[in-house]
């Protein structure tokens, strides 16, 4: 079974409450686990950036929910491709709050070639991965919850 990945950015609804973010994360974690999808969600207070990976049918189900969600609007796909390996194999929905400048840098970077292993240093996926690694280059667990 081949793996697929998708990355998108969207605008949060202005009146989005912290409790709604907590509910979104709990719901997404459970649904993603059942769909076999892993990935990360970043939030800068106004925008979401999400990278998802998994089997095609699971990813289609999850992304369909993303497109129909009422907590954000203006979903813009940054990249979609078949990938050789999972970047976030243990996280059904890791999350992190990120500063707006770093978020803009990641979003504005080229998102071509997300199936490359490793991605080119200045591609969006490489920047996203770097924001999730510790000093030793290993992926760190999500340290900050988006909502509370």
Protein backbone atom coordinates (compact mmCIF):
# COMPACT_ATOMS: atom_id res chain seq x y z
CA UNK A 1 0.00 0.00 0.00
CA UNK A 2 1.48 3.35 -1.01
CA UNK A 3 1.70 6.32 1.33
CA UNK A 4 0.43 9.76 0.39
CA UNK A 5 1.01 13.15 1.97
CA UNK A 6 -0.70 16.51 1.80
CA UNK A 7 0.15 19.90 3.27
CA UNK A 8 -2.19 22.86 3.47
CA UNK A 9 -2.60 26.26 5.10
CA UNK A 10 -5.88 27.87 6.17
CA UNK A 11 -7.21 30.88 8.02
CA UNK A 12 -8.69 30.30 11.49
CA UNK A 13 -12.14 31.65 12.22
CA UNK A 14 -11.55 34.95 14.13
CA UNK A 15 -13.68 34.04 17.15
CA UNK A 16 -12.13 30.59 17.59
CA UNK A 17 -12.02 29.84 21.33
CA UNK A 18 -9.26 27.80 23.04
CA UNK A 19 -11.85 25.18 24.04
CA UNK A 20 -12.76 24.73 20.36
CA UNK A 21 -9.10 24.09 19.54
CA UNK A 22 -8.91 21.47 22.28
CA UNK A 23 -12.06 19.79 20.92
CA UNK A 24 -10.68 19.92 17.36
CA UNK A 25 -7.46 18.22 18.45
CA UNK A 26 -9.23 15.49 20.42
CA UNK A 27 -11.61 14.75 17.54
CA UNK A 28 -8.86 14.83 14.90
CA UNK A 29 -6.58 12.57 16.94
CA UNK A 30 -9.27 9.89 17.25
CA UNK A 31 -10.36 10.11 13.61
CA UNK A 32 -6.80 10.13 12.25
CA UNK A 33 -5.91 7.06 14.32
CA UNK A 34 -8.84 5.13 12.81
CA UNK A 35 -7.91 6.33 9.30
CA UNK A 36 -4.23 5.39 9.70
CA UNK A 37 -3.15 9.01 9.20
CA UNK A 38 -0.31 10.73 11.05
CA UNK A 39 0.96 14.29 10.94
CA UNK A 40 1.32 17.66 12.59
CA UNK A 41 -0.75 20.81 12.99
CA UNK A 42 0.80 24.22 13.59
CA UNK A 43 -1.07 27.38 14.62
CA UNK A 44 0.18 30.95 14.77
CA UNK A 45 -2.94 32.49 16.31
CA UNK A 46 -4.51 33.20 12.91
CA UNK A 47 -3.44 30.45 10.50
CA UNK A 48 -3.23 26.68 10.54
CA UNK A 49 -0.52 24.75 8.71
CA UNK A 50 -0.98 21.00 8.59
CA UNK A 51 1.02 18.14 7.13
CA UNK A 52 -0.79 14.78 6.89
CA UNK A 53 0.42 11.36 5.69
CA UNK A 54 -1.09 7.92 5.33
CA UNK A 55 -2.84 5.52 2.98
CA UNK A 56 -4.78 7.16 0.16
CA UNK A 57 -8.26 6.23 1.44
CA UNK A 58 -7.49 7.39 4.99
CA UNK A 59 -5.92 10.62 3.80
CA UNK A 60 -8.89 11.32 1.52
CA UNK A 61 -11.27 10.87 4.48
CA UNK A 62 -9.25 13.13 6.75
CA UNK A 63 -8.75 15.84 4.12
CA UNK A 64 -12.45 15.74 3.27
CA UNK A 65 -13.18 16.57 6.91
CA UNK A 66 -10.59 19.37 6.77
CA UNK A 67 -12.28 20.92 3.74
CA UNK A 68 -15.68 20.83 5.45
CA UNK A 69 -14.57 22.07 8.88
CA UNK A 70 -16.18 25.24 10.18
CA UNK A 71 -13.28 26.34 12.40
CA UNK A 72 -11.30 27.67 9.45
CA UNK A 73 -11.67 28.86 5.87
CA UNK A 74 -9.57 29.56 2.80
CA UNK A 75 -7.88 26.16 2.69
CA UNK A 76 -4.95 26.34 0.27
CA UNK A 77 -3.13 23.15 -0.62
CA UNK A 78 0.63 23.58 -0.56
CA UNK A 79 1.59 20.09 -1.77
CA UNK A 80 0.30 16.57 -2.32
CA UNK A 81 2.30 13.53 -3.40
CA UNK A 82 3.05 9.87 -3.01
CA UNK A 83 5.79 9.54 -0.39
CA UNK A 84 8.15 6.71 0.44
CA UNK A 85 8.07 7.01 4.22
CA UNK A 86 6.19 8.66 7.05
CA UNK A 87 7.84 11.75 8.50
CA UNK A 88 5.71 11.62 11.68
CA UNK A 89 4.99 7.90 12.21
CA UNK A 90 3.95 8.12 15.88
CA UNK A 91 1.80 11.24 15.93
CA UNK A 92 -1.84 11.01 14.84
CA UNK A 93 -2.16 14.74 15.54
CA UNK A 94 0.86 16.44 17.06
CA UNK A 95 0.34 20.15 17.54
CA UNK A 96 2.39 23.20 18.26
CA UNK A 97 1.87 26.93 18.49
CA UNK A 98 4.36 28.74 16.25
CA UNK A 99 5.26 32.38 15.80
CA UNK A 100 3.75 34.11 12.73
CA UNK A 101 7.11 34.95 11.10
CA UNK A 102 8.30 31.33 11.21
CA UNK A 103 4.92 30.20 9.92
CA UNK A 104 5.12 32.62 6.98
CA UNK A 105 8.65 31.45 6.18
CA UNK A 106 7.48 27.81 6.02
CA UNK A 107 4.34 28.60 4.01
CA UNK A 108 6.15 30.82 1.50
CA UNK A 109 8.95 28.32 0.83
CA UNK A 110 8.68 26.08 -2.25
CA UNK A 111 6.59 22.98 -1.57
CA UNK A 112 7.67 20.99 -4.61
CA UNK A 113 9.32 17.63 -4.19
CA UNK A 114 7.82 16.59 -0.85
CA UNK A 115 8.50 12.98 -1.80
CA UNK A 116 12.29 13.58 -1.83
CA UNK A 117 14.16 11.93 1.01
CA UNK A 118 15.52 14.03 2.49
CA UNK A 119 13.79 17.18 1.21
CA UNK A 120 15.99 20.00 -0.09
CA UNK A 121 17.10 22.32 2.71
CA UNK A 122 14.97 25.33 1.83
CA UNK A 123 11.78 23.54 0.79
CA UNK A 124 8.67 24.01 2.89
CA UNK A 125 8.70 20.43 4.15
CA UNK A 126 12.35 20.70 5.25
CA UNK A 127 11.57 23.89 7.16
CA UNK A 128 8.53 22.27 8.76
CA UNK A 129 10.60 19.24 9.79
CA UNK A 130 13.31 21.49 11.23
CA UNK A 131 10.74 23.25 13.39
CA UNK A 132 9.86 19.86 14.94
CA UNK A 133 13.38 18.63 15.70
CA UNK A 134 15.49 19.06 18.78
CA UNK A 135 19.14 19.95 18.96
CA UNK A 136 20.13 16.38 18.16
CA UNK A 137 17.96 16.29 15.03
CA UNK A 138 15.45 13.85 16.52
CA UNK A 139 11.74 14.60 16.32
CA UNK A 140 10.43 15.98 19.57
CA UNK A 141 6.93 15.39 20.91
CA UNK A 142 4.53 18.31 20.76
CA UNK A 143 5.44 20.47 23.74
CA UNK A 144 2.70 23.07 23.54
CA UNK A 145 -0.99 22.50 23.12
CA UNK A 146 -2.75 24.83 20.70
CA UNK A 147 -5.82 25.52 22.80
CA UNK A 148 -5.30 25.53 26.54
